[in-house]
């Protein structure tokens, strides 16, 4: 991946790793609190749905989830999220 595909935050991490030039966060406690609140808000926005899948597809998803070390529901959610964001493309 070329540097032009990285987000500003990823570029900042690369700069730190490559140049050992860390920048302190002015109010770290406040930053952590804001991030926690953001994550909590996103989690609470989840909706329960019912989905019918072919047995073979579900078994394949469960197998892949085991390989990744995550619950299969999380894998399905991740796949759907990537698709709606336009980050999942067919081969």
C-alpha atoms as a PDB file:
ATOM      1  CA  UNK A   1       0.000   0.000   0.000  1.00  0.00           C
ATOM      2  CA  UNK A   2       1.417   3.370  -0.903  1.00  0.00           C
ATOM      3  CA  UNK A   3       1.550   6.213   1.662  1.00  0.00           C
ATOM      4  CA  UNK A   4      -1.120   8.122  -0.289  1.00  0.00           C
ATOM      5  CA  UNK A   5      -3.694   5.486   0.721  1.00  0.00           C
ATOM      6  CA  UNK A   6      -3.107   6.029   4.437  1.00  0.00           C
ATOM      7  CA  UNK A   7      -5.320   8.210   6.596  1.00  0.00           C
ATOM      8  CA  UNK A   8      -3.746  11.167   8.409  1.00  0.00           C
ATOM      9  CA  UNK A   9      -3.799   9.157  11.643  1.00  0.00           C
ATOM     10  CA  UNK A  10      -2.042   6.216   9.986  1.00  0.00           C
ATOM     11  CA  UNK A  11       0.573   8.560   8.544  1.00  0.00           C
ATOM     12  CA  UNK A  12       1.166   9.966  12.031  1.00  0.00           C
ATOM     13  CA  UNK A  13       1.697   6.436  13.370  1.00  0.00           C
ATOM     14  CA  UNK A  14       4.126   5.694  10.536  1.00  0.00           C
ATOM     15  CA  UNK A  15       6.004   8.913  11.307  1.00  0.00           C
ATOM     16  CA  UNK A  16       6.313   7.860  14.934  1.00  0.00           C
ATOM     17  CA  UNK A  17       7.551   4.390  14.036  1.00  0.00           C
ATOM     18  CA  UNK A  18      10.001   5.580  11.394  1.00  0.00           C
ATOM     19  CA  UNK A  19      11.296   8.748  13.054  1.00  0.00           C
ATOM     20  CA  UNK A  20      10.645   8.135  16.759  1.00  0.00           C
ATOM     21  CA  UNK A  21       9.034  11.550  16.897  1.00  0.00           C
ATOM     22  CA  UNK A  22       6.125  11.157  19.332  1.00  0.00           C
ATOM     23  CA  UNK A  23       3.649  13.948  19.960  1.00  0.00           C
ATOM     24  CA  UNK A  24       1.903  14.143  23.308  1.00  0.00           C
ATOM     25  CA  UNK A  25      -1.851  14.479  23.592  1.00  0.00           C
ATOM     26  CA  UNK A  26      -2.663  17.671  25.523  1.00  0.00           C
ATOM     27  CA  UNK A  27      -5.525  16.259  27.647  1.00  0.00           C
ATOM     28  CA  UNK A  28      -5.127  12.481  27.501  1.00  0.00           C
ATOM     29  CA  UNK A  29      -7.789  11.719  30.127  1.00  0.00           C
ATOM     30  CA  UNK A  30     -10.363  13.761  28.208  1.00  0.00           C
ATOM     31  CA  UNK A  31      -9.352  12.133  24.894  1.00  0.00           C
ATOM     32  CA  UNK A  32      -9.778   8.656  26.405  1.00  0.00           C
ATOM     33  CA  UNK A  33     -13.168   9.605  27.859  1.00  0.00           C
ATOM     34  CA  UNK A  34     -14.345  10.897  24.467  1.00  0.00           C
ATOM     35  CA  UNK A  35     -13.181   7.727  22.699  1.00  0.00           C
ATOM     36  CA  UNK A  36     -14.921   5.528  25.264  1.00  0.00           C
ATOM     37  CA  UNK A  37     -18.145   7.504  24.860  1.00  0.00           C
ATOM     38  CA  UNK A  38     -17.914   7.211  21.078  1.00  0.00           C
ATOM     39  CA  UNK A  39     -17.421   3.453  21.197  1.00  0.00           C
ATOM     40  CA  UNK A  40     -20.266   3.061  23.694  1.00  0.00           C
ATOM     41  CA  UNK A  41     -22.591   5.098  21.446  1.00  0.00           C
ATOM     42  CA  UNK A  42     -21.698   3.001  18.411  1.00  0.00           C
ATOM     43  CA  UNK A  43     -22.257  -0.253  20.275  1.00  0.00           C
ATOM     44  CA  UNK A  44     -25.638   0.877  21.568  1.00  0.00           C
ATOM     45  CA  UNK A  45     -26.722   1.670  17.994  1.00  0.00           C
ATOM     46  CA  UNK A  46     -26.616  -1.995  16.975  1.00  0.00           C
ATOM     47  CA  UNK A  47     -29.892  -3.601  15.948  1.00  0.00           C
ATOM     48  CA  UNK A  48     -30.794  -7.242  16.243  1.00  0.00           C
ATOM     49  CA  UNK A  49     -31.817  -8.835  12.925  1.00  0.00           C
ATOM     50  CA  UNK A  50     -32.743 -12.275  11.666  1.00  0.00           C
ATOM     51  CA  UNK A  51     -30.931 -13.608   8.641  1.00  0.00           C
ATOM     52  CA  UNK A  52     -31.445 -16.825   6.720  1.00  0.00           C
ATOM     53  CA  UNK A  53     -28.317 -18.341   5.192  1.00  0.00           C
ATOM     54  CA  UNK A  54     -27.586 -21.546   3.373  1.00  0.00           C
ATOM     55  CA  UNK A  55     -26.194 -24.117   5.815  1.00  0.00           C
ATOM     56  CA  UNK A  56     -23.013 -24.473   3.742  1.00  0.00           C
ATOM     57  CA  UNK A  57     -22.431 -20.707   3.730  1.00  0.00           C
ATOM     58  CA  UNK A  58     -22.926 -20.491   7.491  1.00  0.00           C
ATOM     59  CA  UNK A  59     -20.477 -23.342   8.068  1.00  0.00           C
ATOM     60  CA  UNK A  60     -17.927 -21.615   5.825  1.00  0.00           C
ATOM     61  CA  UNK A  61     -18.372 -18.350   7.723  1.00  0.00           C
ATOM     62  CA  UNK A  62     -17.961 -20.130  11.062  1.00  0.00           C
ATOM     63  CA  UNK A  63     -14.791 -21.815   9.791  1.00  0.00           C
ATOM     64  CA  UNK A  64     -13.332 -18.474   8.677  1.00  0.00           C
ATOM     65  CA  UNK A  65     -14.308 -16.873  11.989  1.00  0.00           C
ATOM     66  CA  UNK A  66     -12.468 -19.592  13.893  1.00  0.00           C
ATOM     67  CA  UNK A  67      -9.376 -18.969  11.736  1.00  0.00           C
ATOM     68  CA  UNK A  68      -9.621 -15.236  12.539  1.00  0.00           C
ATOM     69  CA  UNK A  69     -10.300 -15.885  16.225  1.00  0.00           C
ATOM     70  CA  UNK A  70     -13.539 -13.905  16.289  1.00  0.00           C
ATOM     71  CA  UNK A  71     -17.224 -14.808  16.735  1.00  0.00           C
ATOM     72  CA  UNK A  72     -18.961 -15.614  13.456  1.00  0.00           C
ATOM     73  CA  UNK A  73     -21.567 -12.895  14.069  1.00  0.00           C
ATOM     74  CA  UNK A  74     -18.742 -10.347  14.288  1.00  0.00           C
ATOM     75  CA  UNK A  75     -17.338 -11.616  10.989  1.00  0.00           C
ATOM     76  CA  UNK A  76     -20.725 -11.308   9.286  1.00  0.00           C
ATOM     77  CA  UNK A  77     -21.136  -7.785  10.685  1.00  0.00           C
ATOM     78  CA  UNK A  78     -17.647  -6.849   9.491  1.00  0.00           C
ATOM     79  CA  UNK A  79     -18.315  -8.172   5.991  1.00  0.00           C
ATOM     80  CA  UNK A  80     -21.576  -6.232   5.752  1.00  0.00           C
ATOM     81  CA  UNK A  81     -19.939  -3.066   7.095  1.00  0.00           C
ATOM     82  CA  UNK A  82     -17.117  -3.299   4.547  1.00  0.00           C
ATOM     83  CA  UNK A  83     -19.661  -3.836   1.766  1.00  0.00           C
ATOM     84  CA  UNK A  84     -21.805  -0.813   2.605  1.00  0.00           C
ATOM     85  CA  UNK A  85     -18.658   1.340   2.978  1.00  0.00           C
ATOM     86  CA  UNK A  86     -17.551   0.280  -0.514  1.00  0.00           C
ATOM     87  CA  UNK A  87     -14.448  -1.485   0.809  1.00  0.00           C
ATOM     88  CA  UNK A  88     -15.493  -4.984  -0.200  1.00  0.00           C
ATOM     89  CA  UNK A  89     -15.074  -5.824  -3.869  1.00  0.00           C
ATOM     90  CA  UNK A  90     -15.649  -9.025  -5.827  1.00  0.00           C
ATOM     91  CA  UNK A  91     -12.666 -10.935  -7.169  1.00  0.00           C
END
